[in-house]
Amino acid sequence: MNVLLYAVQHTEIGERLKRAIKSLNNLESMIDCWSMGELIRLFQTPDPLPEAVVVLVADKEDLQRLLPFRFRLEQVFFILILPDAEEETIACGHQLRPRFIAYQDSDFNEIEAVLERLVSRSTSNPCRYLTPSM
């Protein structure tokens, strides 16, 4: 499986999340994206995104900057990690339509489990995540 990870560089939470993803059994590659500008550039290119995109947002402003790319994120297995459980933050996060939501204060075991499950489902049915060519 290929994973795109966005997290603010050099934070303990971001490093913990990176270690959790790197521990996946069938991880083929991981693209580290450490700035919002870099993430937006990746979303603006016509190139296909990896099967899974994990985004650890720093604040509500990060969420707002991702909203124009909601439809791009719907094309992949998108995991969103929110900075807090405030009602406004959760509502904004749901507008992005992630497949899974976690919070920064979690231990990320659940994210590992979700990604492992995705790998097992895609290996049992390899055509499942292929998109039709246009």
N, C-alpha and C. Protein backbone atom coordinates (compact mmCIF):
# COMPACT_ATOMS: atom_id res chain seq x y z
N MET A 1 0.83 -1.17 0.00
CA MET A 1 0.00 0.00 0.00
C MET A 1 0.88 1.24 0.00
N ASN A 2 0.42 2.26 -0.67
CA ASN A 2 1.11 3.55 -0.71
C ASN A 2 0.31 4.55 0.10
N VAL A 3 1.01 5.33 0.91
CA VAL A 3 0.36 6.27 1.83
C VAL A 3 0.98 7.65 1.67
N LEU A 4 0.12 8.65 1.63
CA LEU A 4 0.55 10.05 1.70
C LEU A 4 0.25 10.53 3.11
N LEU A 5 1.25 11.03 3.79
CA LEU A 5 1.10 11.52 5.16
C LEU A 5 1.37 13.01 5.18
N TYR A 6 0.40 13.76 5.71
CA TYR A 6 0.62 15.18 5.98
C TYR A 6 0.57 15.39 7.48
N ALA A 7 1.62 15.96 8.02
CA ALA A 7 1.67 16.33 9.42
C ALA A 7 2.64 17.49 9.53
N VAL A 8 2.42 18.35 10.50
CA VAL A 8 3.32 19.48 10.70
C VAL A 8 4.68 18.92 11.10
N GLN A 9 5.71 19.40 10.44
CA GLN A 9 7.06 18.88 10.63
C GLN A 9 7.57 19.07 12.05
N HIS A 10 8.30 18.08 12.49
CA HIS A 10 9.03 18.12 13.77
C HIS A 10 8.13 18.32 14.98
N THR A 11 6.96 17.71 14.95
CA THR A 11 6.15 17.69 16.16
C THR A 11 6.17 16.27 16.68
N GLU A 12 6.03 16.12 17.96
CA GLU A 12 6.03 14.78 18.57
C GLU A 12 4.86 13.97 18.04
N ILE A 13 3.71 14.60 17.86
CA ILE A 13 2.53 13.90 17.35
C ILE A 13 2.77 13.43 15.92
N GLY A 14 3.32 14.29 15.08
CA GLY A 14 3.60 13.93 13.70
C GLY A 14 4.59 12.78 13.60
N GLU A 15 5.63 12.81 14.42
CA GLU A 15 6.62 11.73 14.42
C GLU A 15 6.01 10.42 14.91
N ARG A 16 5.14 10.50 15.91
CA ARG A 16 4.47 9.30 16.43
C ARG A 16 3.57 8.68 15.36
N LEU A 17 2.86 9.53 14.62
CA LEU A 17 2.00 9.06 13.55
C LEU A 17 2.84 8.42 12.43
N LYS A 18 3.93 9.05 12.09
CA LYS A 18 4.81 8.51 11.05
C LYS A 18 5.33 7.12 11.44
N ARG A 19 5.74 6.96 12.70
CA ARG A 19 6.21 5.65 13.16
C ARG A 19 5.10 4.60 13.08
N ALA A 20 3.88 5.01 13.43
CA ALA A 20 2.75 4.07 13.38
C ALA A 20 2.50 3.60 11.96
N ILE A 21 2.55 4.52 11.00
CA ILE A 21 2.31 4.15 9.61
C ILE A 21 3.45 3.30 9.07
N LYS A 22 4.68 3.64 9.43
CA LYS A 22 5.84 2.86 8.95
C LYS A 22 5.84 1.43 9.49
N SER A 23 5.11 1.18 10.56
CA SER A 23 5.07 -0.17 11.13
C SER A 23 4.10 -1.08 10.39
N LEU A 24 3.38 -0.57 9.40
CA LEU A 24 2.43 -1.39 8.65
C LEU A 24 3.16 -2.52 7.92
N ASN A 25 2.55 -3.68 7.88
CA ASN A 25 3.18 -4.85 7.26
C ASN A 25 3.39 -4.69 5.77
N ASN A 26 2.40 -4.22 5.06
CA ASN A 26 2.49 -4.16 3.59
C ASN A 26 2.66 -2.75 3.06
N LEU A 27 3.36 -1.92 3.77
CA LEU A 27 3.61 -0.55 3.31
C LEU A 27 4.63 -0.58 2.18
N GLU A 28 4.22 -0.15 1.00
CA GLU A 28 5.12 -0.10 -0.14
C GLU A 28 5.90 1.20 -0.16
N SER A 29 5.18 2.31 0.06
CA SER A 29 5.86 3.60 0.09
C SER A 29 5.05 4.59 0.92
N MET A 30 5.75 5.57 1.44
CA MET A 30 5.10 6.64 2.20
C MET A 30 5.67 7.96 1.72
N ILE A 31 4.79 8.85 1.31
CA ILE A 31 5.19 10.20 0.92
C ILE A 31 4.98 11.10 2.13
N ASP A 32 6.06 11.68 2.63
CA ASP A 32 5.98 12.63 3.74
C ASP A 32 5.71 14.01 3.18
N CYS A 33 4.73 14.65 3.69
CA CYS A 33 4.40 16.01 3.28
C CYS A 33 4.36 16.84 4.57
N TRP A 34 5.30 17.76 4.71
CA TRP A 34 5.44 18.45 5.98
C TRP A 34 4.95 19.90 5.96
N SER A 35 4.41 20.37 4.83
CA SER A 35 3.86 21.73 4.82
C SER A 35 2.54 21.74 4.07
N MET A 36 1.65 22.61 4.46
CA MET A 36 0.34 22.71 3.81
C MET A 36 0.50 23.12 2.35
N GLY A 37 1.45 23.99 2.06
CA GLY A 37 1.69 24.39 0.68
C GLY A 37 2.08 23.22 -0.20
N GLU A 38 2.93 22.35 0.32
CA GLU A 38 3.35 21.15 -0.42
C GLU A 38 2.16 20.21 -0.64
N LEU A 39 1.33 20.05 0.38
CA LEU A 39 0.14 19.20 0.26
C LEU A 39 -0.82 19.74 -0.80
N ILE A 40 -1.04 21.03 -0.79
CA ILE A 40 -1.93 21.66 -1.77
C ILE A 40 -1.38 21.48 -3.18
N ARG A 41 -0.07 21.62 -3.35
CA ARG A 41 0.53 21.39 -4.68
C ARG A 41 0.29 19.96 -5.15
N LEU A 42 0.41 18.99 -4.24
CA LEU A 42 0.14 17.60 -4.61
C LEU A 42 -1.31 17.41 -5.04
N PHE A 43 -2.22 18.06 -4.34
CA PHE A 43 -3.65 17.94 -4.67
C PHE A 43 -3.97 18.63 -6.00
N GLN A 44 -3.21 19.64 -6.36
CA GLN A 44 -3.48 20.39 -7.59
C GLN A 44 -2.95 19.70 -8.84
N THR A 45 -2.05 18.74 -8.68
CA THR A 45 -1.52 18.04 -9.85
C THR A 45 -2.53 17.01 -10.32
N PRO A 46 -2.51 16.68 -11.61
CA PRO A 46 -3.45 15.67 -12.10
C PRO A 46 -3.00 14.23 -11.80
N ASP A 47 -1.80 14.10 -11.24
CA ASP A 47 -1.29 12.76 -10.93
C ASP A 47 -2.18 12.07 -9.91
N PRO A 48 -2.30 10.75 -10.01
CA PRO A 48 -3.11 10.04 -9.02
C PRO A 48 -2.47 10.10 -7.64
N LEU A 49 -3.31 10.14 -6.63
CA LEU A 49 -2.84 10.12 -5.25
C LEU A 49 -2.62 8.67 -4.82
N PRO A 50 -1.84 8.45 -3.76
CA PRO A 50 -1.71 7.10 -3.22
C PRO A 50 -3.07 6.56 -2.76
N GLU A 51 -3.14 5.25 -2.51
CA GLU A 51 -4.41 4.65 -2.08
C GLU A 51 -4.95 5.26 -0.80
N ALA A 52 -4.06 5.63 0.11
CA ALA A 52 -4.48 6.18 1.40
C ALA A 52 -3.81 7.54 1.63
N VAL A 53 -4.59 8.45 2.15
CA VAL A 53 -4.08 9.77 2.51
C VAL A 53 -4.42 9.99 3.98
N VAL A 54 -3.40 10.25 4.78
CA VAL A 54 -3.57 10.50 6.22
C VAL A 54 -3.17 11.94 6.47
N VAL A 55 -4.12 12.73 6.98
CA VAL A 55 -3.88 14.15 7.19
C VAL A 55 -4.09 14.48 8.67
N LEU A 56 -3.03 14.96 9.28
CA LEU A 56 -3.09 15.42 10.67
C LEU A 56 -3.11 16.94 10.62
N VAL A 57 -4.29 17.52 10.82
CA VAL A 57 -4.40 18.97 10.73
C VAL A 57 -3.99 19.62 12.04
N ALA A 58 -3.35 20.76 11.93
CA ALA A 58 -2.88 21.47 13.11
C ALA A 58 -3.98 22.29 13.77
N ASP A 59 -4.89 22.83 12.94
CA ASP A 59 -5.92 23.72 13.47
C ASP A 59 -7.07 23.86 12.48
N LYS A 60 -8.05 24.66 12.83
CA LYS A 60 -9.23 24.86 11.97
C LYS A 60 -8.87 25.53 10.65
N GLU A 61 -7.83 26.34 10.65
CA GLU A 61 -7.41 26.98 9.40
C GLU A 61 -6.92 25.94 8.39
N ASP A 62 -6.21 24.92 8.88
CA ASP A 62 -5.79 23.83 8.00
C ASP A 62 -7.01 23.15 7.38
N LEU A 63 -8.02 22.92 8.18
CA LEU A 63 -9.24 22.29 7.67
C LEU A 63 -9.87 23.15 6.57
N GLN A 64 -9.93 24.44 6.81
CA GLN A 64 -10.53 25.35 5.82
C GLN A 64 -9.74 25.33 4.51
N ARG A 65 -8.43 25.23 4.60
CA ARG A 65 -7.59 25.23 3.39
C ARG A 65 -7.75 23.93 2.59
N LEU A 66 -8.22 22.87 3.24
CA LEU A 66 -8.42 21.60 2.55
C LEU A 66 -9.78 21.49 1.86
N LEU A 67 -10.73 22.31 2.26
CA LEU A 67 -12.09 22.19 1.71
C LEU A 67 -12.17 22.23 0.18
N PRO A 68 -11.39 23.05 -0.52
CA PRO A 68 -11.48 23.03 -1.99
C PRO A 68 -11.05 21.70 -2.62
N PHE A 69 -10.38 20.84 -1.85
CA PHE A 69 -9.88 19.58 -2.37
C PHE A 69 -10.70 18.38 -1.90
N ARG A 70 -11.90 18.66 -1.39
CA ARG A 70 -12.77 17.61 -0.87
C ARG A 70 -13.01 16.51 -1.91
N PHE A 71 -13.29 16.91 -3.15
CA PHE A 71 -13.59 15.91 -4.17
C PHE A 71 -12.36 15.08 -4.53
N ARG A 72 -11.21 15.67 -4.44
CA ARG A 72 -9.97 14.92 -4.69
C ARG A 72 -9.75 13.88 -3.59
N LEU A 73 -10.08 14.26 -2.36
CA LEU A 73 -9.91 13.35 -1.23
C LEU A 73 -10.93 12.21 -1.25
N GLU A 74 -12.06 12.43 -1.89
CA GLU A 74 -13.07 11.37 -2.00
C GLU A 74 -12.61 10.23 -2.89
N GLN A 75 -11.58 10.44 -3.67
CA GLN A 75 -11.08 9.43 -4.60
C GLN A 75 -10.15 8.42 -3.93
N VAL A 76 -9.79 8.67 -2.69
CA VAL A 76 -8.85 7.80 -1.98
C VAL A 76 -9.42 7.43 -0.61
N PHE A 77 -8.75 6.54 0.07
CA PHE A 77 -9.11 6.23 1.44
C PHE A 77 -8.49 7.31 2.31
N PHE A 78 -9.32 8.20 2.82
CA PHE A 78 -8.86 9.41 3.50
C PHE A 78 -9.10 9.29 5.00
N ILE A 79 -8.02 9.42 5.77
CA ILE A 79 -8.08 9.43 7.23
C ILE A 79 -7.73 10.83 7.70
N LEU A 80 -8.60 11.40 8.53
CA LEU A 80 -8.42 12.76 9.04
C LEU A 80 -8.18 12.71 10.54
N ILE A 81 -7.15 13.39 10.98
CA ILE A 81 -6.84 13.48 12.41
C ILE A 81 -7.05 14.92 12.83
N LEU A 82 -8.03 15.11 13.68
CA LEU A 82 -8.43 16.46 14.11
C LEU A 82 -7.65 16.90 15.34
N PRO A 83 -7.47 18.23 15.50
CA PRO A 83 -6.72 18.74 16.64
C PRO A 83 -7.50 18.71 17.96
N ASP A 84 -8.84 18.70 17.86
CA ASP A 84 -9.67 18.72 19.07
C ASP A 84 -11.05 18.15 18.73
N ALA A 85 -11.86 18.00 19.76
CA ALA A 85 -13.20 17.44 19.59
C ALA A 85 -14.28 18.52 19.72
N GLU A 86 -13.93 19.76 19.44
CA GLU A 86 -14.93 20.82 19.48
C GLU A 86 -15.95 20.62 18.37
N GLU A 87 -17.18 20.99 18.62
CA GLU A 87 -18.26 20.78 17.67
C GLU A 87 -17.96 21.41 16.30
N GLU A 88 -17.43 22.63 16.31
CA GLU A 88 -17.13 23.32 15.05
C GLU A 88 -16.02 22.60 14.27
N THR A 89 -15.02 22.11 14.97
CA THR A 89 -13.91 21.39 14.32
C THR A 89 -14.42 20.09 13.70
N ILE A 90 -15.24 19.36 14.44
CA ILE A 90 -15.78 18.09 13.94
C ILE A 90 -16.67 18.34 12.72
N ALA A 91 -17.51 19.36 12.79
CA ALA A 91 -18.40 19.68 11.65
C ALA A 91 -17.58 20.03 10.41
N CYS A 92 -16.55 20.81 10.57
CA CYS A 92 -15.69 21.17 9.44
C CYS A 92 -14.97 19.94 8.91
N GLY A 93 -14.51 19.07 9.80
CA GLY A 93 -13.84 17.84 9.39
C GLY A 93 -14.76 16.94 8.58
N HIS A 94 -16.01 16.83 8.98
CA HIS A 94 -16.97 15.99 8.26
C HIS A 94 -17.27 16.54 6.86
N GLN A 95 -17.10 17.82 6.64
CA GLN A 95 -17.32 18.39 5.31
C GLN A 95 -16.31 17.81 4.30
N LEU A 96 -15.17 17.36 4.78
CA LEU A 96 -14.15 16.76 3.91
C LEU A 96 -14.47 15.30 3.57
N ARG A 97 -15.45 14.73 4.24
CA ARG A 97 -15.92 13.36 4.01
C ARG A 97 -14.82 12.30 4.16
N PRO A 98 -14.12 12.32 5.29
CA PRO A 98 -13.10 11.29 5.49
C PRO A 98 -13.74 9.92 5.72
N ARG A 99 -12.97 8.88 5.47
CA ARG A 99 -13.45 7.52 5.74
C ARG A 99 -13.29 7.19 7.22
N PHE A 100 -12.35 7.89 7.88
CA PHE A 100 -12.10 7.63 9.30
C PHE A 100 -11.61 8.92 9.93
N ILE A 101 -12.09 9.20 11.15
CA ILE A 101 -11.65 10.38 11.90
C ILE A 101 -11.05 9.93 13.22
N ALA A 102 -9.90 10.51 13.55
CA ALA A 102 -9.25 10.29 14.83
C ALA A 102 -8.88 11.66 15.40
N TYR A 103 -8.31 11.65 16.58
CA TYR A 103 -7.92 12.90 17.25
C TYR A 103 -6.44 12.83 17.62
N GLN A 104 -5.82 13.99 17.71
CA GLN A 104 -4.38 14.07 17.97
C GLN A 104 -3.97 13.43 19.28
N ASP A 105 -4.88 13.37 20.24
CA ASP A 105 -4.51 12.79 21.53
C ASP A 105 -4.66 11.28 21.58
N SER A 106 -4.99 10.66 20.42
CA SER A 106 -5.10 9.19 20.40
C SER A 106 -3.71 8.57 20.28
N ASP A 107 -3.64 7.26 20.49
CA ASP A 107 -2.34 6.60 20.40
C ASP A 107 -2.05 6.08 18.99
N PHE A 108 -2.95 6.29 18.05
CA PHE A 108 -2.83 5.94 16.64
C PHE A 108 -2.87 4.44 16.36
N ASN A 109 -3.14 3.61 17.38
CA ASN A 109 -3.32 2.18 17.15
C ASN A 109 -4.53 1.94 16.24
N GLU A 110 -5.57 2.74 16.42
CA GLU A 110 -6.76 2.56 15.59
C GLU A 110 -6.47 2.91 14.12
N ILE A 111 -5.60 3.86 13.89
CA ILE A 111 -5.24 4.21 12.51
C ILE A 111 -4.44 3.07 11.88
N GLU A 112 -3.52 2.50 12.64
CA GLU A 112 -2.80 1.32 12.15
C GLU A 112 -3.77 0.21 11.79
N ALA A 113 -4.76 -0.03 12.67
CA ALA A 113 -5.73 -1.11 12.44
C ALA A 113 -6.57 -0.84 11.19
N VAL A 114 -6.98 0.41 11.00
CA VAL A 114 -7.78 0.77 9.83
C VAL A 114 -6.96 0.56 8.56
N LEU A 115 -5.72 0.99 8.55
CA LEU A 115 -4.87 0.83 7.37
C LEU A 115 -4.55 -0.64 7.11
N GLU A 116 -4.32 -1.41 8.17
CA GLU A 116 -4.08 -2.84 8.00
C GLU A 116 -5.31 -3.52 7.39
N ARG A 117 -6.47 -3.10 7.85
CA ARG A 117 -7.72 -3.66 7.30
C ARG A 117 -7.86 -3.29 5.81
N LEU A 118 -7.51 -2.07 5.47
CA LEU A 118 -7.56 -1.64 4.08
C LEU A 118 -6.62 -2.49 3.23
N VAL A 119 -5.43 -2.76 3.73
CA VAL A 119 -4.47 -3.59 3.01
C VAL A 119 -5.03 -4.99 2.82
N SER A 120 -5.59 -5.56 3.87
CA SER A 120 -6.10 -6.92 3.75
C SER A 120 -7.27 -6.99 2.78
N ARG A 121 -8.12 -5.98 2.76
CA ARG A 121 -9.23 -5.96 1.82
C ARG A 121 -8.75 -5.77 0.38
N SER A 122 -7.74 -4.95 0.19
CA SER A 122 -7.27 -4.70 -1.18
C SER A 122 -6.48 -5.88 -1.71
N THR A 123 -5.80 -6.64 -0.84
CA THR A 123 -5.08 -7.81 -1.32
C THR A 123 -6.02 -8.98 -1.60
N SER A 124 -7.15 -9.03 -0.90
CA SER A 124 -8.10 -10.09 -1.17
C SER A 124 -8.92 -9.78 -2.42
N ASN A 125 -9.02 -8.52 -2.79
CA ASN A 125 -9.74 -8.10 -4.00
C ASN A 125 -8.92 -6.99 -4.65
N PRO A 126 -7.89 -7.32 -5.43
CA PRO A 126 -6.96 -6.30 -5.94
C PRO A 126 -7.59 -5.28 -6.87
N CYS A 127 -8.71 -5.56 -7.47
CA CYS A 127 -9.34 -4.61 -8.39
C CYS A 127 -10.25 -3.61 -7.67
N ARG A 128 -10.44 -3.79 -6.40
CA ARG A 128 -11.39 -2.99 -5.63
C ARG A 128 -11.12 -1.49 -5.71
N TYR A 129 -9.86 -1.08 -5.65
CA TYR A 129 -9.54 0.34 -5.59
C TYR A 129 -9.06 0.91 -6.91
N LEU A 130 -9.19 0.15 -7.97
CA LEU A 130 -8.83 0.69 -9.27
C LEU A 130 -9.92 1.62 -9.76
N THR A 131 -9.53 2.71 -10.34
CA THR A 131 -10.51 3.62 -10.88
C THR A 131 -10.63 3.40 -12.37
N PRO A 132 -11.84 3.53 -12.92
CA PRO A 132 -11.99 3.33 -14.35
C PRO A 132 -11.23 4.38 -15.13
N SER A 133 -10.67 3.98 -16.26
CA SER A 133 -9.94 4.94 -17.09
C SER A 133 -10.94 5.73 -17.92
N MET A 134 -10.60 6.97 -18.18
CA MET A 134 -11.50 7.84 -18.93
C MET A 134 -10.96 8.07 -20.31
